Amino acid sequence: MPKQRDVQAQRDLLSNATWQVLAEDGLPGLTLRAVAERAGCTTGLVMHAFPTKKALLLHARDLLYERTAVRADAAEAACTDAFGALAAVLGQAVDLPHGHHDESRVWVGFLAAALADDDLAERHRAANRSFLARIRRLVAACRPKWTDERLERTTKSLVALVEGLNVLAAADPKTYPPRLQQDALAEALASLSVITECGSAAR
């Protein structure tokens, strides 16, 4: 029986190879053979971990969620107040100057694929709802007296903005450069009274 660390090392190897394929070739290029080539192993080894193309796709979608969740956790943990955390988490969710171009393109690819695949759609909804829950919690921490209705509306408006910027910038980065994304996010926060009210409360 293989040792647990060997199994984990093998899974890490395949996960890294999967992400390399996604980043370089997009979702259409994600095949068992392509992952095997990037990992420097046999297709049989890949199939042992992911018996079908569908299993590989679902794993790849989970990888995307894990990468973005880890980055959001770090952004939130680096802040000392609720508004700073809200602005940081939303800021890292769009491309901005952070250079997450690969993740944006991969996210758009999965969004398109999810329209025709119920399992991928469920994964996409679960990831989106997790992000919504995070943003709602941060908005509520900024404005504890807001009604549930206002919290819900504000949260979905902010998430719709950053996700929309991701889609548009992925396809047309010249029209939606980092500076425009920063300004759009700042204006959205200000127009929703989050900046003014949270900033005052934090001070």
N, C-alpha and C. Protein backbone atom coordinates (compact mmCIF):
# COMPACT_ATOMS: atom_id res chain seq x y z
N MET A 1 0.86 -1.19 0.00
CA MET A 1 0.00 0.00 0.00
C MET A 1 0.89 1.24 0.00
N PRO A 2 0.63 2.20 -0.92
CA PRO A 2 1.47 3.40 -0.98
C PRO A 2 1.32 4.23 0.28
N LYS A 3 2.40 4.89 0.69
CA LYS A 3 2.36 5.74 1.86
C LYS A 3 1.48 6.96 1.58
N GLN A 4 0.88 7.50 2.66
CA GLN A 4 -0.03 8.62 2.50
C GLN A 4 0.66 9.82 1.87
N ARG A 5 1.94 10.06 2.27
CA ARG A 5 2.64 11.21 1.72
C ARG A 5 2.91 11.03 0.23
N ASP A 6 3.08 9.77 -0.20
CA ASP A 6 3.28 9.52 -1.62
C ASP A 6 2.00 9.79 -2.40
N VAL A 7 0.88 9.41 -1.83
CA VAL A 7 -0.41 9.66 -2.47
C VAL A 7 -0.65 11.16 -2.59
N GLN A 8 -0.35 11.90 -1.52
CA GLN A 8 -0.54 13.35 -1.54
C GLN A 8 0.41 14.01 -2.54
N ALA A 9 1.66 13.52 -2.57
CA ALA A 9 2.63 14.08 -3.51
C ALA A 9 2.18 13.86 -4.95
N GLN A 10 1.62 12.69 -5.21
CA GLN A 10 1.12 12.38 -6.55
C GLN A 10 -0.07 13.29 -6.89
N ARG A 11 -0.95 13.49 -5.92
CA ARG A 11 -2.10 14.36 -6.16
C ARG A 11 -1.66 15.80 -6.41
N ASP A 12 -0.66 16.26 -5.64
CA ASP A 12 -0.14 17.62 -5.84
C ASP A 12 0.48 17.77 -7.22
N LEU A 13 1.20 16.73 -7.64
CA LEU A 13 1.83 16.76 -8.96
C LEU A 13 0.77 16.89 -10.05
N LEU A 14 -0.29 16.10 -9.94
CA LEU A 14 -1.35 16.13 -10.96
C LEU A 14 -2.14 17.43 -10.88
N SER A 15 -2.33 17.95 -9.68
CA SER A 15 -3.05 19.21 -9.54
C SER A 15 -2.28 20.35 -10.18
N ASN A 16 -0.96 20.38 -9.93
CA ASN A 16 -0.13 21.42 -10.54
C ASN A 16 -0.13 21.31 -12.06
N ALA A 17 -0.07 20.09 -12.55
CA ALA A 17 -0.10 19.88 -14.00
C ALA A 17 -1.43 20.30 -14.58
N THR A 18 -2.50 19.99 -13.87
CA THR A 18 -3.85 20.39 -14.32
C THR A 18 -3.93 21.89 -14.45
N TRP A 19 -3.42 22.60 -13.43
CA TRP A 19 -3.50 24.06 -13.48
C TRP A 19 -2.64 24.63 -14.61
N GLN A 20 -1.48 24.05 -14.85
CA GLN A 20 -0.63 24.51 -15.95
C GLN A 20 -1.34 24.39 -17.29
N VAL A 21 -2.03 23.27 -17.48
CA VAL A 21 -2.78 23.07 -18.73
C VAL A 21 -3.88 24.11 -18.85
N LEU A 22 -4.61 24.32 -17.76
CA LEU A 22 -5.70 25.30 -17.79
C LEU A 22 -5.17 26.69 -18.11
N ALA A 23 -4.08 27.08 -17.45
CA ALA A 23 -3.53 28.42 -17.63
C ALA A 23 -3.01 28.64 -19.04
N GLU A 24 -2.41 27.60 -19.62
CA GLU A 24 -1.78 27.75 -20.93
C GLU A 24 -2.74 27.47 -22.09
N ASP A 25 -3.60 26.47 -21.92
CA ASP A 25 -4.43 26.02 -23.04
C ASP A 25 -5.93 26.23 -22.83
N GLY A 26 -6.31 26.68 -21.64
CA GLY A 26 -7.72 26.89 -21.38
C GLY A 26 -8.48 25.59 -21.18
N LEU A 27 -9.76 25.72 -20.93
CA LEU A 27 -10.58 24.54 -20.67
C LEU A 27 -10.63 23.57 -21.85
N PRO A 28 -10.68 24.05 -23.10
CA PRO A 28 -10.72 23.10 -24.22
C PRO A 28 -9.48 22.22 -24.30
N GLY A 29 -8.35 22.72 -23.77
CA GLY A 29 -7.12 21.95 -23.85
C GLY A 29 -6.91 20.99 -22.69
N LEU A 30 -7.84 20.99 -21.75
CA LEU A 30 -7.69 20.13 -20.57
C LEU A 30 -8.09 18.71 -20.91
N THR A 31 -7.11 17.86 -21.15
CA THR A 31 -7.35 16.45 -21.43
C THR A 31 -6.46 15.61 -20.52
N LEU A 32 -6.80 14.33 -20.39
CA LEU A 32 -5.98 13.43 -19.58
C LEU A 32 -4.57 13.35 -20.14
N ARG A 33 -4.45 13.32 -21.45
CA ARG A 33 -3.13 13.23 -22.09
C ARG A 33 -2.32 14.49 -21.82
N ALA A 34 -2.96 15.66 -21.91
CA ALA A 34 -2.24 16.92 -21.68
C ALA A 34 -1.74 17.01 -20.25
N VAL A 35 -2.55 16.59 -19.29
CA VAL A 35 -2.14 16.60 -17.89
C VAL A 35 -0.97 15.64 -17.68
N ALA A 36 -1.04 14.47 -18.30
CA ALA A 36 0.04 13.49 -18.17
C ALA A 36 1.35 14.05 -18.72
N GLU A 37 1.28 14.74 -19.85
CA GLU A 37 2.49 15.32 -20.44
C GLU A 37 3.10 16.37 -19.53
N ARG A 38 2.24 17.24 -18.95
CA ARG A 38 2.76 18.28 -18.04
C ARG A 38 3.33 17.66 -16.77
N ALA A 39 2.72 16.60 -16.30
CA ALA A 39 3.18 15.97 -15.06
C ALA A 39 4.37 15.05 -15.28
N GLY A 40 4.64 14.73 -16.54
CA GLY A 40 5.74 13.82 -16.84
C GLY A 40 5.45 12.40 -16.40
N CYS A 41 4.18 12.00 -16.55
CA CYS A 41 3.79 10.65 -16.14
C CYS A 41 2.95 10.02 -17.25
N THR A 42 2.48 8.82 -17.01
CA THR A 42 1.66 8.13 -18.00
C THR A 42 0.20 8.57 -17.88
N THR A 43 -0.52 8.40 -18.97
CA THR A 43 -1.96 8.69 -18.94
C THR A 43 -2.66 7.76 -17.96
N GLY A 44 -2.14 6.56 -17.82
CA GLY A 44 -2.72 5.61 -16.88
C GLY A 44 -2.68 6.11 -15.45
N LEU A 45 -1.59 6.80 -15.09
CA LEU A 45 -1.49 7.33 -13.73
C LEU A 45 -2.53 8.43 -13.51
N VAL A 46 -2.72 9.25 -14.53
CA VAL A 46 -3.74 10.31 -14.43
C VAL A 46 -5.12 9.67 -14.30
N MET A 47 -5.37 8.64 -15.08
CA MET A 47 -6.68 7.99 -15.06
C MET A 47 -6.93 7.27 -13.74
N HIS A 48 -5.85 6.88 -13.06
CA HIS A 48 -6.02 6.24 -11.75
C HIS A 48 -6.60 7.25 -10.76
N ALA A 49 -6.19 8.52 -10.88
CA ALA A 49 -6.71 9.57 -10.00
C ALA A 49 -8.02 10.13 -10.52
N PHE A 50 -8.12 10.25 -11.84
CA PHE A 50 -9.31 10.82 -12.46
C PHE A 50 -9.76 9.89 -13.59
N PRO A 51 -10.63 8.94 -13.29
CA PRO A 51 -11.01 7.91 -14.26
C PRO A 51 -11.65 8.44 -15.54
N THR A 52 -12.26 9.63 -15.45
CA THR A 52 -12.96 10.18 -16.62
C THR A 52 -12.59 11.64 -16.81
N LYS A 53 -12.87 12.15 -17.99
CA LYS A 53 -12.65 13.57 -18.26
C LYS A 53 -13.52 14.41 -17.33
N LYS A 54 -14.69 13.93 -17.01
CA LYS A 54 -15.58 14.67 -16.11
C LYS A 54 -14.96 14.80 -14.73
N ALA A 55 -14.37 13.74 -14.23
CA ALA A 55 -13.72 13.78 -12.91
C ALA A 55 -12.58 14.80 -12.91
N LEU A 56 -11.84 14.86 -14.01
CA LEU A 56 -10.75 15.82 -14.13
C LEU A 56 -11.29 17.24 -14.15
N LEU A 57 -12.38 17.46 -14.88
CA LEU A 57 -12.99 18.79 -14.94
C LEU A 57 -13.46 19.26 -13.56
N LEU A 58 -14.10 18.37 -12.83
CA LEU A 58 -14.59 18.74 -11.50
C LEU A 58 -13.43 19.05 -10.56
N HIS A 59 -12.36 18.28 -10.69
CA HIS A 59 -11.18 18.55 -9.87
C HIS A 59 -10.59 19.91 -10.23
N ALA A 60 -10.55 20.21 -11.51
CA ALA A 60 -10.01 21.49 -11.95
C ALA A 60 -10.85 22.65 -11.42
N ARG A 61 -12.18 22.45 -11.41
CA ARG A 61 -13.04 23.52 -10.87
C ARG A 61 -12.79 23.72 -9.39
N ASP A 62 -12.59 22.63 -8.68
CA ASP A 62 -12.29 22.72 -7.25
C ASP A 62 -10.95 23.41 -7.01
N LEU A 63 -9.99 23.17 -7.89
CA LEU A 63 -8.69 23.82 -7.78
C LEU A 63 -8.83 25.33 -7.88
N LEU A 64 -9.64 25.78 -8.82
CA LEU A 64 -9.85 27.21 -9.00
C LEU A 64 -10.45 27.82 -7.74
N TYR A 65 -11.43 27.14 -7.17
CA TYR A 65 -12.06 27.63 -5.94
C TYR A 65 -11.05 27.69 -4.80
N GLU A 66 -10.24 26.65 -4.68
CA GLU A 66 -9.26 26.61 -3.59
C GLU A 66 -8.25 27.75 -3.72
N ARG A 67 -7.79 28.02 -4.92
CA ARG A 67 -6.81 29.09 -5.14
C ARG A 67 -7.39 30.44 -4.77
N THR A 68 -8.61 30.71 -5.22
CA THR A 68 -9.21 32.01 -4.94
C THR A 68 -9.59 32.15 -3.46
N ALA A 69 -10.01 31.05 -2.84
CA ALA A 69 -10.38 31.11 -1.42
C ALA A 69 -9.17 31.39 -0.55
N VAL A 70 -8.05 30.76 -0.86
CA VAL A 70 -6.82 30.98 -0.09
C VAL A 70 -6.40 32.45 -0.21
N ARG A 71 -6.48 33.01 -1.40
CA ARG A 71 -6.09 34.40 -1.60
C ARG A 71 -7.05 35.35 -0.87
N ALA A 72 -8.34 35.04 -0.88
CA ALA A 72 -9.31 35.87 -0.17
C ALA A 72 -9.08 35.81 1.34
N ASP A 73 -8.77 34.62 1.84
CA ASP A 73 -8.47 34.47 3.27
C ASP A 73 -7.29 35.35 3.66
N ALA A 74 -6.25 35.34 2.83
CA ALA A 74 -5.05 36.12 3.12
C ALA A 74 -5.35 37.62 3.08
N ALA A 75 -6.14 38.05 2.10
CA ALA A 75 -6.49 39.47 1.99
C ALA A 75 -7.27 39.93 3.21
N GLU A 76 -8.21 39.10 3.64
CA GLU A 76 -9.02 39.46 4.80
C GLU A 76 -8.19 39.47 6.08
N ALA A 77 -7.33 38.50 6.24
CA ALA A 77 -6.53 38.39 7.45
C ALA A 77 -5.53 39.52 7.60
N ALA A 78 -5.14 40.12 6.48
CA ALA A 78 -4.14 41.20 6.52
C ALA A 78 -4.73 42.53 6.97
N CYS A 79 -6.05 42.61 7.10
CA CYS A 79 -6.70 43.88 7.45
C CYS A 79 -7.10 43.90 8.92
N THR A 80 -7.13 45.11 9.46
CA THR A 80 -7.45 45.26 10.88
C THR A 80 -8.86 45.77 11.13
N ASP A 81 -9.59 46.12 10.08
CA ASP A 81 -10.96 46.59 10.26
C ASP A 81 -11.84 46.01 9.17
N ALA A 82 -13.14 46.05 9.41
CA ALA A 82 -14.10 45.40 8.51
C ALA A 82 -14.08 46.01 7.12
N PHE A 83 -14.05 47.34 7.03
CA PHE A 83 -14.08 47.94 5.71
C PHE A 83 -12.81 47.61 4.93
N GLY A 84 -11.66 47.68 5.61
CA GLY A 84 -10.42 47.33 4.93
C GLY A 84 -10.47 45.92 4.38
N ALA A 85 -11.03 45.00 5.17
CA ALA A 85 -11.15 43.61 4.72
C ALA A 85 -12.08 43.50 3.53
N LEU A 86 -13.21 44.22 3.58
CA LEU A 86 -14.16 44.18 2.46
C LEU A 86 -13.52 44.69 1.18
N ALA A 87 -12.86 45.84 1.27
CA ALA A 87 -12.21 46.42 0.10
C ALA A 87 -11.09 45.51 -0.42
N ALA A 88 -10.34 44.89 0.49
CA ALA A 88 -9.23 44.02 0.08
C ALA A 88 -9.73 42.76 -0.60
N VAL A 89 -10.76 42.14 -0.04
CA VAL A 89 -11.29 40.90 -0.61
C VAL A 89 -11.90 41.16 -1.98
N LEU A 90 -12.65 42.24 -2.11
CA LEU A 90 -13.22 42.58 -3.41
C LEU A 90 -12.12 42.96 -4.40
N GLY A 91 -11.11 43.68 -3.91
CA GLY A 91 -10.03 44.11 -4.79
C GLY A 91 -9.24 42.95 -5.37
N GLN A 92 -9.00 41.92 -4.55
CA GLN A 92 -8.24 40.78 -5.08
C GLN A 92 -9.10 39.88 -5.96
N ALA A 93 -10.41 40.07 -5.89
CA ALA A 93 -11.31 39.23 -6.71
C ALA A 93 -11.33 39.66 -8.17
N VAL A 94 -11.00 40.93 -8.43
CA VAL A 94 -10.88 41.36 -9.83
C VAL A 94 -9.41 41.36 -10.21
N ASP A 95 -9.14 41.45 -11.49
CA ASP A 95 -7.77 41.29 -11.96
C ASP A 95 -6.83 42.35 -11.40
N LEU A 96 -7.23 43.62 -11.50
CA LEU A 96 -6.46 44.72 -10.95
C LEU A 96 -4.97 44.58 -11.29
N PRO A 97 -4.07 45.06 -10.42
CA PRO A 97 -2.65 44.92 -10.77
C PRO A 97 -2.08 43.59 -10.29
N HIS A 98 -2.91 42.71 -9.75
CA HIS A 98 -2.39 41.50 -9.13
C HIS A 98 -1.92 40.45 -10.14
N GLY A 99 -2.35 40.58 -11.37
CA GLY A 99 -1.87 39.67 -12.40
C GLY A 99 -2.51 38.30 -12.38
N HIS A 100 -3.77 38.21 -11.95
CA HIS A 100 -4.44 36.91 -11.94
C HIS A 100 -5.16 36.67 -13.27
N HIS A 101 -4.47 36.98 -14.35
CA HIS A 101 -5.09 36.85 -15.67
C HIS A 101 -5.50 35.41 -15.96
N ASP A 102 -4.63 34.48 -15.60
CA ASP A 102 -4.92 33.07 -15.87
C ASP A 102 -6.19 32.64 -15.15
N GLU A 103 -6.33 33.02 -13.90
CA GLU A 103 -7.51 32.63 -13.14
C GLU A 103 -8.77 33.23 -13.74
N SER A 104 -8.69 34.47 -14.19
CA SER A 104 -9.86 35.10 -14.81
C SER A 104 -10.29 34.35 -16.06
N ARG A 105 -9.33 33.99 -16.89
CA ARG A 105 -9.67 33.27 -18.13
C ARG A 105 -10.23 31.89 -17.82
N VAL A 106 -9.64 31.22 -16.84
CA VAL A 106 -10.12 29.90 -16.46
C VAL A 106 -11.53 30.00 -15.89
N TRP A 107 -11.78 31.02 -15.07
CA TRP A 107 -13.10 31.21 -14.48
C TRP A 107 -14.16 31.41 -15.56
N VAL A 108 -13.84 32.22 -16.56
CA VAL A 108 -14.78 32.46 -17.66
C VAL A 108 -15.04 31.16 -18.41
N GLY A 109 -13.99 30.36 -18.62
CA GLY A 109 -14.16 29.08 -19.31
C GLY A 109 -15.09 28.15 -18.56
N PHE A 110 -14.92 28.09 -17.25
CA PHE A 110 -15.80 27.24 -16.44
C PHE A 110 -17.23 27.77 -16.42
N LEU A 111 -17.38 29.07 -16.41
CA LEU A 111 -18.72 29.66 -16.43
C LEU A 111 -19.45 29.24 -17.71
N ALA A 112 -18.77 29.33 -18.83
CA ALA A 112 -19.37 28.93 -20.10
C ALA A 112 -19.70 27.44 -20.11
N ALA A 113 -18.77 26.62 -19.61
CA ALA A 113 -18.99 25.17 -19.59
C ALA A 113 -20.14 24.79 -18.67
N ALA A 114 -20.30 25.55 -17.59
CA ALA A 114 -21.35 25.24 -16.61
C ALA A 114 -22.75 25.39 -17.20
N LEU A 115 -22.88 26.20 -18.24
CA LEU A 115 -24.20 26.40 -18.84
C LEU A 115 -24.75 25.13 -19.47
N ALA A 116 -23.85 24.20 -19.81
CA ALA A 116 -24.29 22.97 -20.46
C ALA A 116 -23.99 21.72 -19.64
N ASP A 117 -23.58 21.91 -18.39
CA ASP A 117 -23.20 20.76 -17.55
C ASP A 117 -23.73 20.99 -16.14
N ASP A 118 -24.66 20.15 -15.73
CA ASP A 118 -25.30 20.33 -14.43
C ASP A 118 -24.32 20.20 -13.27
N ASP A 119 -23.39 19.27 -13.36
CA ASP A 119 -22.43 19.08 -12.27
C ASP A 119 -21.49 20.27 -12.13
N LEU A 120 -20.98 20.76 -13.26
CA LEU A 120 -20.14 21.95 -13.22
C LEU A 120 -20.94 23.16 -12.76
N ALA A 121 -22.20 23.24 -13.16
CA ALA A 121 -23.05 24.35 -12.74
C ALA A 121 -23.23 24.35 -11.23
N GLU A 122 -23.39 23.17 -10.66
CA GLU A 122 -23.55 23.07 -9.20
C GLU A 122 -22.28 23.50 -8.49
N ARG A 123 -21.12 23.09 -9.02
CA ARG A 123 -19.84 23.51 -8.45
C ARG A 123 -19.71 25.03 -8.53
N HIS A 124 -20.10 25.59 -9.68
CA HIS A 124 -20.01 27.03 -9.88
C HIS A 124 -20.92 27.76 -8.89
N ARG A 125 -22.13 27.28 -8.73
CA ARG A 125 -23.06 27.93 -7.80
C ARG A 125 -22.54 27.86 -6.37
N ALA A 126 -21.99 26.71 -6.01
CA ALA A 126 -21.48 26.56 -4.64
C ALA A 126 -20.33 27.53 -4.37
N ALA A 127 -19.43 27.69 -5.33
CA ALA A 127 -18.31 28.61 -5.16
C ALA A 127 -18.81 30.05 -5.09
N ASN A 128 -19.75 30.39 -5.96
CA ASN A 128 -20.29 31.75 -5.97
C ASN A 128 -21.02 32.06 -4.67
N ARG A 129 -21.77 31.11 -4.17
CA ARG A 129 -22.51 31.35 -2.93
C ARG A 129 -21.58 31.46 -1.73
N SER A 130 -20.47 30.76 -1.77
CA SER A 130 -19.48 30.88 -0.72
C SER A 130 -18.88 32.28 -0.71
N PHE A 131 -18.59 32.80 -1.91
CA PHE A 131 -18.06 34.16 -2.02
C PHE A 131 -19.11 35.18 -1.57
N LEU A 132 -20.35 34.97 -1.97
CA LEU A 132 -21.43 35.85 -1.53
C LEU A 132 -21.53 35.88 0.00
N ALA A 133 -21.42 34.72 0.62
CA ALA A 133 -21.52 34.64 2.07
C ALA A 133 -20.39 35.41 2.74
N ARG A 134 -19.19 35.32 2.17
CA ARG A 134 -18.05 36.05 2.71
C ARG A 134 -18.29 37.56 2.63
N ILE A 135 -18.73 38.02 1.44
CA ILE A 135 -18.93 39.46 1.26
C ILE A 135 -20.08 39.95 2.13
N ARG A 136 -21.14 39.18 2.24
CA ARG A 136 -22.25 39.59 3.10
C ARG A 136 -21.80 39.72 4.56
N ARG A 137 -20.97 38.77 5.01
CA ARG A 137 -20.47 38.83 6.39
C ARG A 137 -19.65 40.09 6.61
N LEU A 138 -18.83 40.46 5.63
CA LEU A 138 -18.00 41.65 5.77
C LEU A 138 -18.83 42.93 5.71
N VAL A 139 -19.82 42.96 4.81
CA VAL A 139 -20.69 44.13 4.73
C VAL A 139 -21.47 44.29 6.04
N ALA A 140 -21.94 43.17 6.57
CA ALA A 140 -22.69 43.21 7.84
C ALA A 140 -21.81 43.68 8.98
N ALA A 141 -20.53 43.32 8.94
CA ALA A 141 -19.61 43.78 9.98
C ALA A 141 -19.40 45.29 9.88
N CYS A 142 -19.43 45.81 8.65
CA CYS A 142 -19.31 47.25 8.45
C CYS A 142 -20.58 47.98 8.89
N ARG A 143 -21.71 47.41 8.55
CA ARG A 143 -23.00 48.08 8.80
C ARG A 143 -23.94 47.14 9.55
N PRO A 144 -23.71 46.92 10.82
CA PRO A 144 -24.52 45.97 11.59
C PRO A 144 -25.99 46.37 11.72
N LYS A 145 -26.31 47.62 11.47
CA LYS A 145 -27.70 48.07 11.62
C LYS A 145 -28.50 47.98 10.32
N TRP A 146 -27.86 47.59 9.26
CA TRP A 146 -28.59 47.48 7.99
C TRP A 146 -29.58 46.32 8.06
N THR A 147 -30.66 46.46 7.32
CA THR A 147 -31.65 45.38 7.24
C THR A 147 -31.11 44.24 6.39
N ASP A 148 -31.70 43.07 6.54
CA ASP A 148 -31.28 41.93 5.73
C ASP A 148 -31.44 42.23 4.25
N GLU A 149 -32.51 42.94 3.91
CA GLU A 149 -32.76 43.27 2.50
C GLU A 149 -31.64 44.13 1.93
N ARG A 150 -31.22 45.12 2.70
CA ARG A 150 -30.17 46.00 2.21
C ARG A 150 -28.83 45.27 2.15
N LEU A 151 -28.56 44.44 3.12
CA LEU A 151 -27.33 43.64 3.10
C LEU A 151 -27.30 42.74 1.87
N GLU A 152 -28.44 42.11 1.58
CA GLU A 152 -28.52 41.21 0.43
C GLU A 152 -28.31 41.98 -0.87
N ARG A 153 -28.95 43.11 -1.00
CA ARG A 153 -28.85 43.91 -2.23
C ARG A 153 -27.43 44.42 -2.42
N THR A 154 -26.84 44.93 -1.36
CA THR A 154 -25.48 45.46 -1.44
C THR A 154 -24.48 44.36 -1.80
N THR A 155 -24.61 43.24 -1.13
CA THR A 155 -23.70 42.12 -1.37
C THR A 155 -23.76 41.66 -2.82
N LYS A 156 -24.95 41.45 -3.33
CA LYS A 156 -25.08 40.94 -4.70
C LYS A 156 -24.64 41.97 -5.72
N SER A 157 -24.85 43.24 -5.42
CA SER A 157 -24.40 44.29 -6.34
C SER A 157 -22.87 44.32 -6.42
N LEU A 158 -22.22 44.21 -5.28
CA LEU A 158 -20.75 44.24 -5.27
C LEU A 158 -20.17 43.01 -5.96
N VAL A 159 -20.72 41.85 -5.68
CA VAL A 159 -20.22 40.62 -6.30
C VAL A 159 -20.48 40.64 -7.81
N ALA A 160 -21.66 41.12 -8.21
CA ALA A 160 -21.96 41.20 -9.64
C ALA A 160 -20.97 42.12 -10.35
N LEU A 161 -20.57 43.20 -9.67
CA LEU A 161 -19.61 44.12 -10.28
C LEU A 161 -18.27 43.45 -10.50
N VAL A 162 -17.71 42.83 -9.46
CA VAL A 162 -16.37 42.25 -9.62
C VAL A 162 -16.38 41.06 -10.56
N GLU A 163 -17.44 40.27 -10.53
CA GLU A 163 -17.50 39.13 -11.45
C GLU A 163 -17.68 39.62 -12.88
N GLY A 164 -18.47 40.67 -13.07
CA GLY A 164 -18.65 41.24 -14.40
C GLY A 164 -17.36 41.81 -14.95
N LEU A 165 -16.61 42.50 -14.10
CA LEU A 165 -15.31 43.02 -14.53
C LEU A 165 -14.37 41.89 -14.92
N ASN A 166 -14.42 40.80 -14.19
CA ASN A 166 -13.58 39.64 -14.52
C ASN A 166 -13.87 39.14 -15.93
N VAL A 167 -15.15 38.99 -16.23
CA VAL A 167 -15.55 38.47 -17.54
C VAL A 167 -15.13 39.43 -18.66
N LEU A 168 -15.44 40.71 -18.48
CA LEU A 168 -15.16 41.69 -19.52
C LEU A 168 -13.66 41.90 -19.71
N ALA A 169 -12.91 41.98 -18.61
CA ALA A 169 -11.47 42.21 -18.70
C ALA A 169 -10.75 40.99 -19.27
N ALA A 170 -11.27 39.81 -19.01
CA ALA A 170 -10.64 38.60 -19.55
C ALA A 170 -10.67 38.59 -21.07
N ALA A 171 -11.76 39.11 -21.63
CA ALA A 171 -11.92 39.11 -23.08
C ALA A 171 -11.36 40.37 -23.73
N ASP A 172 -11.34 41.48 -22.98
CA ASP A 172 -10.93 42.76 -23.57
C ASP A 172 -10.17 43.59 -22.54
N PRO A 173 -8.94 43.17 -22.19
CA PRO A 173 -8.19 43.85 -21.12
C PRO A 173 -7.82 45.30 -21.44
N LYS A 174 -7.73 45.64 -22.72
CA LYS A 174 -7.38 47.02 -23.06
C LYS A 174 -8.53 47.98 -22.72
N THR A 175 -9.75 47.50 -22.90
CA THR A 175 -10.91 48.34 -22.59
C THR A 175 -11.18 48.39 -21.10
N TYR A 176 -10.80 47.32 -20.39
CA TYR A 176 -11.03 47.25 -18.94
C TYR A 176 -9.70 47.05 -18.21
N PRO A 177 -8.82 48.07 -18.25
CA PRO A 177 -7.51 47.95 -17.61
C PRO A 177 -7.64 48.00 -16.08
N PRO A 178 -6.56 47.67 -15.38
CA PRO A 178 -6.61 47.66 -13.91
C PRO A 178 -7.11 48.95 -13.29
N ARG A 179 -6.68 50.10 -13.83
CA ARG A 179 -7.08 51.37 -13.23
C ARG A 179 -8.60 51.56 -13.30
N LEU A 180 -9.18 51.21 -14.44
CA LEU A 180 -10.64 51.33 -14.58
C LEU A 180 -11.34 50.42 -13.58
N GLN A 181 -10.81 49.21 -13.41
CA GLN A 181 -11.42 48.28 -12.46
C GLN A 181 -11.34 48.82 -11.04
N GLN A 182 -10.20 49.40 -10.68
CA GLN A 182 -10.04 49.99 -9.35
C GLN A 182 -11.05 51.11 -9.14
N ASP A 183 -11.16 51.99 -10.14
CA ASP A 183 -12.08 53.13 -10.02
C ASP A 183 -13.53 52.67 -9.92
N ALA A 184 -13.88 51.68 -10.74
CA ALA A 184 -15.26 51.18 -10.72
C ALA A 184 -15.61 50.59 -9.35
N LEU A 185 -14.67 49.84 -8.78
CA LEU A 185 -14.92 49.24 -7.47
C LEU A 185 -15.01 50.31 -6.39
N ALA A 186 -14.11 51.29 -6.44
CA ALA A 186 -14.14 52.37 -5.44
C ALA A 186 -15.44 53.17 -5.52
N GLU A 187 -15.88 53.44 -6.73
CA GLU A 187 -17.12 54.20 -6.90
C GLU A 187 -18.33 53.39 -6.43
N ALA A 188 -18.30 52.10 -6.68
CA ALA A 188 -19.42 51.25 -6.25
C ALA A 188 -19.51 51.21 -4.73
N LEU A 189 -18.37 51.09 -4.07
CA LEU A 189 -18.37 51.09 -2.61
C LEU A 189 -18.87 52.42 -2.07
N ALA A 190 -18.41 53.50 -2.68
CA ALA A 190 -18.82 54.83 -2.23
C ALA A 190 -20.31 55.07 -2.46
N SER A 191 -20.78 54.66 -3.63
CA SER A 191 -22.19 54.91 -3.97
C SER A 191 -23.14 54.09 -3.11
N LEU A 192 -22.64 52.99 -2.57
CA LEU A 192 -23.46 52.15 -1.71
C LEU A 192 -23.31 52.52 -0.24
N SER A 193 -22.63 53.63 0.01
CA SER A 193 -22.45 54.17 1.36
C SER A 193 -21.61 53.27 2.25
N VAL A 194 -20.89 52.34 1.66
CA VAL A 194 -20.08 51.45 2.47
C VAL A 194 -18.82 52.16 2.92
N ILE A 195 -18.16 52.88 2.01
CA ILE A 195 -16.92 53.54 2.36
C ILE A 195 -17.14 54.59 3.46
N THR A 196 -18.09 55.49 3.21
CA THR A 196 -18.31 56.58 4.15
C THR A 196 -18.69 56.07 5.52
N GLU A 197 -19.68 55.19 5.56
CA GLU A 197 -20.19 54.75 6.84
C GLU A 197 -19.25 53.82 7.55
N CYS A 198 -18.61 52.90 6.82
CA CYS A 198 -17.67 51.98 7.46
C CYS A 198 -16.43 52.74 7.91
N GLY A 199 -15.97 53.66 7.06
CA GLY A 199 -14.80 54.41 7.43
C GLY A 199 -15.02 55.22 8.69
N SER A 200 -16.18 55.83 8.80
CA SER A 200 -16.48 56.61 9.99
C SER A 200 -16.55 55.71 11.21
N ALA A 201 -17.16 54.53 11.06
CA ALA A 201 -17.29 53.62 12.18
C ALA A 201 -15.93 53.10 12.62
N ALA A 202 -15.05 52.84 11.62
CA ALA A 202 -13.74 52.29 11.95
C ALA A 202 -12.89 53.31 12.70
N ARG A 203 -12.99 54.59 12.33
CA ARG A 203 -12.24 55.61 13.01
C ARG A 203 -12.82 55.93 14.38
